Amino acid sequence: MKERKDAERSHRHSSASILLILGVLLTACAGRGGNAPTAYFPPTPAYALPTASQPVVFYNSPVPQCLDNLIYLQDLTIPDDSSVLPGSMLDKQWLVENNGTCNWDRYYRLRLIAGPDLGAPSEQALYPARSGSQAVIRILFTAPAESGTYRSAWQAYDPQGKTFGDLIFIQIVVSP
């Protein structure tokens, strides 16, 4: 009988030990949330995302600016201080070089900046020329009726209205 009592006591101790271990494990699992789902919150971006009330604005990347330049090379007609008759028609031509990095298009102009217009419009289209090429600029003038020395100076302008390059001019001596 003693053996039987010892067996029952041993069985009670092992049953109690198992229950104790199960209780500890269940408590530990319940503390971690057990099988309950865990909510996921994505990280917040470091920048604000546009909303319907915030329009998306795109910025153009800066375009490298080209440089304008005009170099006077030579007078092709009517050298400086040429003697001309009063009222005569003058076909003045200059050889120039576009040694800038911009191509001259229809928006480039040549404007009178000093002296008389000698019958020519005070603004002219600058001959279209690619960067690195030579061009002939031609303006038709009329000599004044009065004797004297006349100088008409012209300057190149870019599409934004900024001057560039060498001046070109006609200088004549009107005499009968």
C-alpha atoms as a PDB file:
ATOM      1  CA  MET A   1       0.000   0.000   0.000  1.00  0.00           C
ATOM      2  CA  LYS A   2       2.851   2.257   0.724  1.00  0.00           C
ATOM      3  CA  GLU A   3       3.949   1.877  -2.810  1.00  0.00           C
ATOM      4  CA  ARG A   4       0.573   2.879  -4.013  1.00  0.00           C
ATOM      5  CA  LYS A   5       0.534   6.041  -1.863  1.00  0.00           C
ATOM      6  CA  ASP A   6       3.996   6.938  -3.100  1.00  0.00           C
ATOM      7  CA  ALA A   7       2.839   6.482  -6.696  1.00  0.00           C
ATOM      8  CA  GLU A   8      -0.221   8.698  -6.133  1.00  0.00           C
ATOM      9  CA  ARG A   9       1.934  11.363  -4.492  1.00  0.00           C
ATOM     10  CA  SER A  10       4.406  11.239  -7.337  1.00  0.00           C
ATOM     11  CA  HIS A  11       1.584  11.443  -9.852  1.00  0.00           C
ATOM     12  CA  ARG A  12       0.106  14.467  -8.045  1.00  0.00           C
ATOM     13  CA  HIS A  13       3.485  16.193  -8.039  1.00  0.00           C
ATOM     14  CA  SER A  14       4.066  15.576 -11.714  1.00  0.00           C
ATOM     15  CA  SER A  15       0.501  16.685 -12.591  1.00  0.00           C
ATOM     16  CA  ALA A  16       0.951  19.836 -10.545  1.00  0.00           C
ATOM     17  CA  SER A  17       4.314  20.480 -12.190  1.00  0.00           C
ATOM     18  CA  ILE A  18       2.809  20.098 -15.654  1.00  0.00           C
ATOM     19  CA  LEU A  19      -0.082  22.425 -14.793  1.00  0.00           C
ATOM     20  CA  LEU A  20       2.357  24.957 -13.373  1.00  0.00           C
ATOM     21  CA  ILE A  21       4.529  24.866 -16.501  1.00  0.00           C
ATOM     22  CA  LEU A  22       1.450  25.168 -18.776  1.00  0.00           C
ATOM     23  CA  GLY A  23       0.219  28.133 -16.756  1.00  0.00           C
ATOM     24  CA  VAL A  24       3.554  29.897 -17.074  1.00  0.00           C
ATOM     25  CA  LEU A  25       3.701  29.247 -20.826  1.00  0.00           C
ATOM     26  CA  LEU A  26       0.135  30.418 -21.431  1.00  0.00           C
ATOM     27  CA  THR A  27       0.729  33.569 -19.412  1.00  0.00           C
ATOM     28  CA  ALA A  28       3.912  34.293 -21.342  1.00  0.00           C
ATOM     29  CA  CYS A  29       2.173  33.799 -24.687  1.00  0.00           C
ATOM     30  CA  ALA A  30      -0.806  35.899 -23.668  1.00  0.00           C
ATOM     31  CA  GLY A  31       1.568  38.731 -22.676  1.00  0.00           C
ATOM     32  CA  ARG A  32       2.920  38.876 -26.236  1.00  0.00           C
ATOM     33  CA  GLY A  33      -0.522  39.119 -27.710  1.00  0.00           C
ATOM     34  CA  GLY A  34      -0.881  35.435 -28.381  1.00  0.00           C
ATOM     35  CA  ASN A  35      -2.762  34.928 -31.598  1.00  0.00           C
ATOM     36  CA  ALA A  36      -4.246  38.454 -31.618  1.00  0.00           C
ATOM     37  CA  PRO A  37      -3.375  40.326 -34.869  1.00  0.00           C
ATOM     38  CA  THR A  38      -0.845  43.147 -34.655  1.00  0.00           C
ATOM     39  CA  ALA A  39      -1.640  46.365 -36.584  1.00  0.00           C
ATOM     40  CA  TYR A  40       0.969  47.428 -39.185  1.00  0.00           C
ATOM     41  CA  PHE A  41       1.737  51.134 -39.539  1.00  0.00           C
ATOM     42  CA  PRO A  42       3.952  51.989 -42.553  1.00  0.00           C
ATOM     43  CA  PRO A  43       6.740  54.493 -41.934  1.00  0.00           C
ATOM     44  CA  THR A  44       5.903  58.156 -42.583  1.00  0.00           C
ATOM     45  CA  PRO A  45       7.775  59.585 -45.636  1.00  0.00           C
ATOM     46  CA  ALA A  46      10.328  62.318 -44.978  1.00  0.00           C
ATOM     47  CA  TYR A  47       8.554  64.596 -47.494  1.00  0.00           C
ATOM     48  CA  ALA A  48       4.925  65.556 -47.841  1.00  0.00           C
ATOM     49  CA  LEU A  49       3.022  63.798 -50.585  1.00  0.00           C
ATOM     50  CA  PRO A  50       0.908  66.070 -52.800  1.00  0.00           C
ATOM     51  CA  THR A  51      -2.824  65.991 -52.212  1.00  0.00           C
ATOM     52  CA  ALA A  52      -5.662  67.084 -54.446  1.00  0.00           C
ATOM     53  CA  SER A  53      -5.429  70.579 -52.945  1.00  0.00           C
ATOM     54  CA  GLN A  54      -1.665  70.748 -53.473  1.00  0.00           C
ATOM     55  CA  PRO A  55      -0.828  70.923 -57.196  1.00  0.00           C
ATOM     56  CA  VAL A  56       2.276  69.122 -58.358  1.00  0.00           C
ATOM     57  CA  VAL A  57       4.826  71.612 -59.705  1.00  0.00           C
ATOM     58  CA  PHE A  58       7.530  70.505 -62.116  1.00  0.00           C
ATOM     59  CA  TYR A  59      10.641  72.622 -62.533  1.00  0.00           C
ATOM     60  CA  ASN A  60      12.640  72.689 -65.718  1.00  0.00           C
ATOM     61  CA  SER A  61      16.241  71.856 -65.203  1.00  0.00           C
ATOM     62  CA  PRO A  62      18.477  74.778 -66.048  1.00  0.00           C
ATOM     63  CA  VAL A  63      19.494  74.865 -69.667  1.00  0.00           C
ATOM     64  CA  PRO A  64      23.028  76.007 -70.221  1.00  0.00           C
ATOM     65  CA  GLN A  65      22.984  79.496 -71.711  1.00  0.00           C
ATOM     66  CA  CYS A  66      24.743  80.076 -74.976  1.00  0.00           C
ATOM     67  CA  LEU A  67      26.936  83.130 -75.490  1.00  0.00           C
ATOM     68  CA  ASP A  68      26.369  85.710 -78.217  1.00  0.00           C
ATOM     69  CA  ASN A  69      29.210  87.456 -80.003  1.00  0.00           C
ATOM     70  CA  LEU A  70      29.785  89.199 -83.327  1.00  0.00           C
ATOM     71  CA  ILE A  71      33.235  90.033 -84.641  1.00  0.00           C
ATOM     72  CA  TYR A  72      33.648  92.613 -87.397  1.00  0.00           C
ATOM     73  CA  LEU A  73      36.017  91.227 -90.061  1.00  0.00           C
ATOM     74  CA  GLN A  74      35.997  93.768 -92.916  1.00  0.00           C
ATOM     75  CA  ASP A  75      34.075  96.224 -95.054  1.00  0.00           C
ATOM     76  CA  LEU A  76      33.093  94.483 -98.292  1.00  0.00           C
ATOM     77  CA  THR A  77      31.783  97.685 -99.906  1.00  0.00           C
ATOM     78  CA  ILE A  78      32.145 101.438 -99.321  1.00  0.00           C
ATOM     79  CA  PRO A  79      35.353 101.747 -97.281  1.00  0.00           C
ATOM     80  CA  ASP A  80      35.399 104.340 -94.467  1.00  0.00           C
ATOM     81  CA  ASP A  81      35.600 107.959 -95.613  1.00  0.00           C
ATOM     82  CA  SER A  82      34.509 107.112 -99.156  1.00  0.00           C
ATOM     83  CA  SER A  83      33.445 110.169-101.128  1.00  0.00           C
ATOM     84  CA  VAL A  84      29.854 109.900-102.373  1.00  0.00           C
ATOM     85  CA  LEU A  85      27.477 112.207-104.263  1.00  0.00           C
ATOM     86  CA  PRO A  86      24.537 113.792-102.427  1.00  0.00           C
ATOM     87  CA  GLY A  87      21.384 111.601-102.592  1.00  0.00           C
ATOM     88  CA  SER A  88      23.200 108.557-103.993  1.00  0.00           C
ATOM     89  CA  MET A  89      22.096 105.026-103.083  1.00  0.00           C
ATOM     90  CA  LEU A  90      24.671 103.158-100.983  1.00  0.00           C
ATOM     91  CA  ASP A  91      24.784  99.354-100.758  1.00  0.00           C
ATOM     92  CA  LYS A  92      26.890  98.832 -97.636  1.00  0.00           C
ATOM     93  CA  GLN A  93      28.067  95.306 -96.786  1.00  0.00           C
ATOM     94  CA  TRP A  94      30.152  94.075 -93.847  1.00  0.00           C
ATOM     95  CA  LEU A  95      31.727  90.652 -93.350  1.00  0.00           C
ATOM     96  CA  VAL A  96      31.223  89.519 -89.762  1.00  0.00           C
ATOM     97  CA  GLU A  97      31.654  86.295 -87.822  1.00  0.00           C
ATOM     98  CA  ASN A  98      29.295  84.732 -85.322  1.00  0.00           C
ATOM     99  CA  ASN A  99      31.965  83.526 -82.928  1.00  0.00           C
ATOM    100  CA  GLY A 100      29.535  83.017 -80.036  1.00  0.00           C
ATOM    101  CA  THR A 101      27.876  79.720 -79.170  1.00  0.00           C
ATOM    102  CA  CYS A 102      24.314  80.836 -80.094  1.00  0.00           C
ATOM    103  CA  ASN A 103      22.878  80.518 -83.582  1.00  0.00           C
ATOM    104  CA  TRP A 104      21.378  83.789 -84.820  1.00  0.00           C
ATOM    105  CA  ASP A 105      17.785  83.308 -85.866  1.00  0.00           C
ATOM    106  CA  ARG A 106      14.952  85.628 -86.913  1.00  0.00           C
ATOM    107  CA  TYR A 107      14.736  87.070 -83.392  1.00  0.00           C
ATOM    108  CA  TYR A 108      18.222  88.628 -83.572  1.00  0.00           C
ATOM    109  CA  ARG A 109      18.271  92.293 -84.598  1.00  0.00           C
ATOM    110  CA  LEU A 110      20.645  95.025 -85.742  1.00  0.00           C
ATOM    111  CA  ARG A 111      19.770  98.509 -84.467  1.00  0.00           C
ATOM    112  CA  LEU A 112      20.982 102.030 -85.143  1.00  0.00           C
ATOM    113  CA  ILE A 113      22.683 103.278 -81.954  1.00  0.00           C
ATOM    114  CA  ALA A 114      24.441 106.485 -83.096  1.00  0.00           C
ATOM    115  CA  GLY A 115      24.412 108.906 -85.990  1.00  0.00           C
ATOM    116  CA  PRO A 116      21.876 109.428 -88.750  1.00  0.00           C
ATOM    117  CA  ASP A 117      19.885 106.522 -90.179  1.00  0.00           C
ATOM    118  CA  LEU A 118      20.836 107.649 -93.725  1.00  0.00           C
ATOM    119  CA  GLY A 119      17.403 106.611 -94.985  1.00  0.00           C
ATOM    120  CA  ALA A 120      17.555 103.028 -93.617  1.00  0.00           C
ATOM    121  CA  PRO A 121      15.072 101.562 -91.125  1.00  0.00           C
ATOM    122  CA  SER A 122      16.561 101.971 -87.623  1.00  0.00           C
ATOM    123  CA  GLU A 123      16.061  98.271 -86.879  1.00  0.00           C
ATOM    124  CA  GLN A 124      17.015  95.440 -89.206  1.00  0.00           C
ATOM    125  CA  ALA A 125      16.953  91.661 -89.043  1.00  0.00           C
ATOM    126  CA  LEU A 126      20.424  90.333 -88.267  1.00  0.00           C
ATOM    127  CA  TYR A 127      21.441  87.880 -90.954  1.00  0.00           C
ATOM    128  CA  PRO A 128      20.791  84.332 -89.635  1.00  0.00           C
ATOM    129  CA  ALA A 129      24.111  82.638 -88.959  1.00  0.00           C
ATOM    130  CA  ARG A 130      25.175  79.488 -87.155  1.00  0.00           C
ATOM    131  CA  SER A 131      27.719  79.668 -84.389  1.00  0.00           C
ATOM    132  CA  GLY A 132      31.234  79.740 -85.841  1.00  0.00           C
ATOM    133  CA  SER A 133      30.174  80.872 -89.316  1.00  0.00           C
ATOM    134  CA  GLN A 134      30.728  84.069 -91.264  1.00  0.00           C
ATOM    135  CA  ALA A 135      27.901  86.234 -92.540  1.00  0.00           C
ATOM    136  CA  VAL A 136      27.445  89.288 -94.738  1.00  0.00           C
ATOM    137  CA  ILE A 137      25.351  92.076 -93.247  1.00  0.00           C
ATOM    138  CA  ARG A 138      23.822  94.373 -95.872  1.00  0.00           C
ATOM    139  CA  ILE A 139      22.008  97.676 -95.375  1.00  0.00           C
ATOM    140  CA  LEU A 140      20.852 100.030 -98.150  1.00  0.00           C
ATOM    141  CA  PHE A 141      21.515 103.693 -97.318  1.00  0.00           C
ATOM    142  CA  THR A 142      20.887 107.008 -99.072  1.00  0.00           C
ATOM    143  CA  ALA A 143      23.515 109.732 -98.857  1.00  0.00           C
ATOM    144  CA  PRO A 144      22.250 113.019 -97.383  1.00  0.00           C
ATOM    145  CA  ALA A 145      21.683 116.021 -99.682  1.00  0.00           C
ATOM    146  CA  GLU A 146      24.013 118.223 -97.601  1.00  0.00           C
ATOM    147  CA  SER A 147      27.800 117.998 -97.905  1.00  0.00           C
ATOM    148  CA  GLY A 148      29.698 116.721 -94.880  1.00  0.00           C
ATOM    149  CA  THR A 149      31.040 113.639 -93.083  1.00  0.00           C
ATOM    150  CA  TYR A 150      28.424 111.198 -91.791  1.00  0.00           C
ATOM    151  CA  ARG A 151      28.816 108.171 -89.573  1.00  0.00           C
ATOM    152  CA  SER A 152      25.987 105.726 -88.818  1.00  0.00           C
ATOM    153  CA  ALA A 153      26.755 103.090 -86.113  1.00  0.00           C
ATOM    154  CA  TRP A 154      24.874  99.807 -85.655  1.00  0.00           C
ATOM    155  CA  GLN A 155      24.786  97.218 -82.837  1.00  0.00           C
ATOM    156  CA  ALA A 156      23.604  93.599 -82.647  1.00  0.00           C
ATOM    157  CA  TYR A 157      20.858  92.646 -80.148  1.00  0.00           C
ATOM    158  CA  ASP A 158      19.849  89.212 -78.866  1.00  0.00           C
ATOM    159  CA  PRO A 159      16.182  88.088 -78.583  1.00  0.00           C
ATOM    160  CA  GLN A 160      16.007  89.492 -75.018  1.00  0.00           C
ATOM    161  CA  GLY A 161      17.133  92.940 -76.221  1.00  0.00           C
ATOM    162  CA  LYS A 162      20.690  92.757 -74.863  1.00  0.00           C
ATOM    163  CA  THR A 163      23.544  94.153 -76.948  1.00  0.00           C
ATOM    164  CA  PHE A 164      26.483  92.022 -77.998  1.00  0.00           C
ATOM    165  CA  GLY A 165      29.542  92.043 -80.233  1.00  0.00           C
ATOM    166  CA  ASP A 166      31.456  94.666 -82.186  1.00  0.00           C
ATOM    167  CA  LEU A 167      29.804  97.780 -83.593  1.00  0.00           C
ATOM    168  CA  ILE A 168      29.592  98.099 -87.348  1.00  0.00           C
ATOM    169  CA  PHE A 169      29.316 101.449 -89.079  1.00  0.00           C
ATOM    170  CA  ILE A 170      29.343 103.301 -92.336  1.00  0.00           C
ATOM    171  CA  GLN A 171      31.332 106.540 -92.566  1.00  0.00           C
ATOM    172  CA  ILE A 172      31.007 108.593 -95.731  1.00  0.00           C
ATOM    173  CA  VAL A 173      32.001 112.018 -97.006  1.00  0.00           C
ATOM    174  CA  VAL A 174      29.231 113.638 -99.044  1.00  0.00           C
ATOM    175  CA  SER A 175      30.505 116.130-101.637  1.00  0.00           C
ATOM    176  CA  PRO A 176      29.193 117.301-105.044  1.00  0.00           C
END
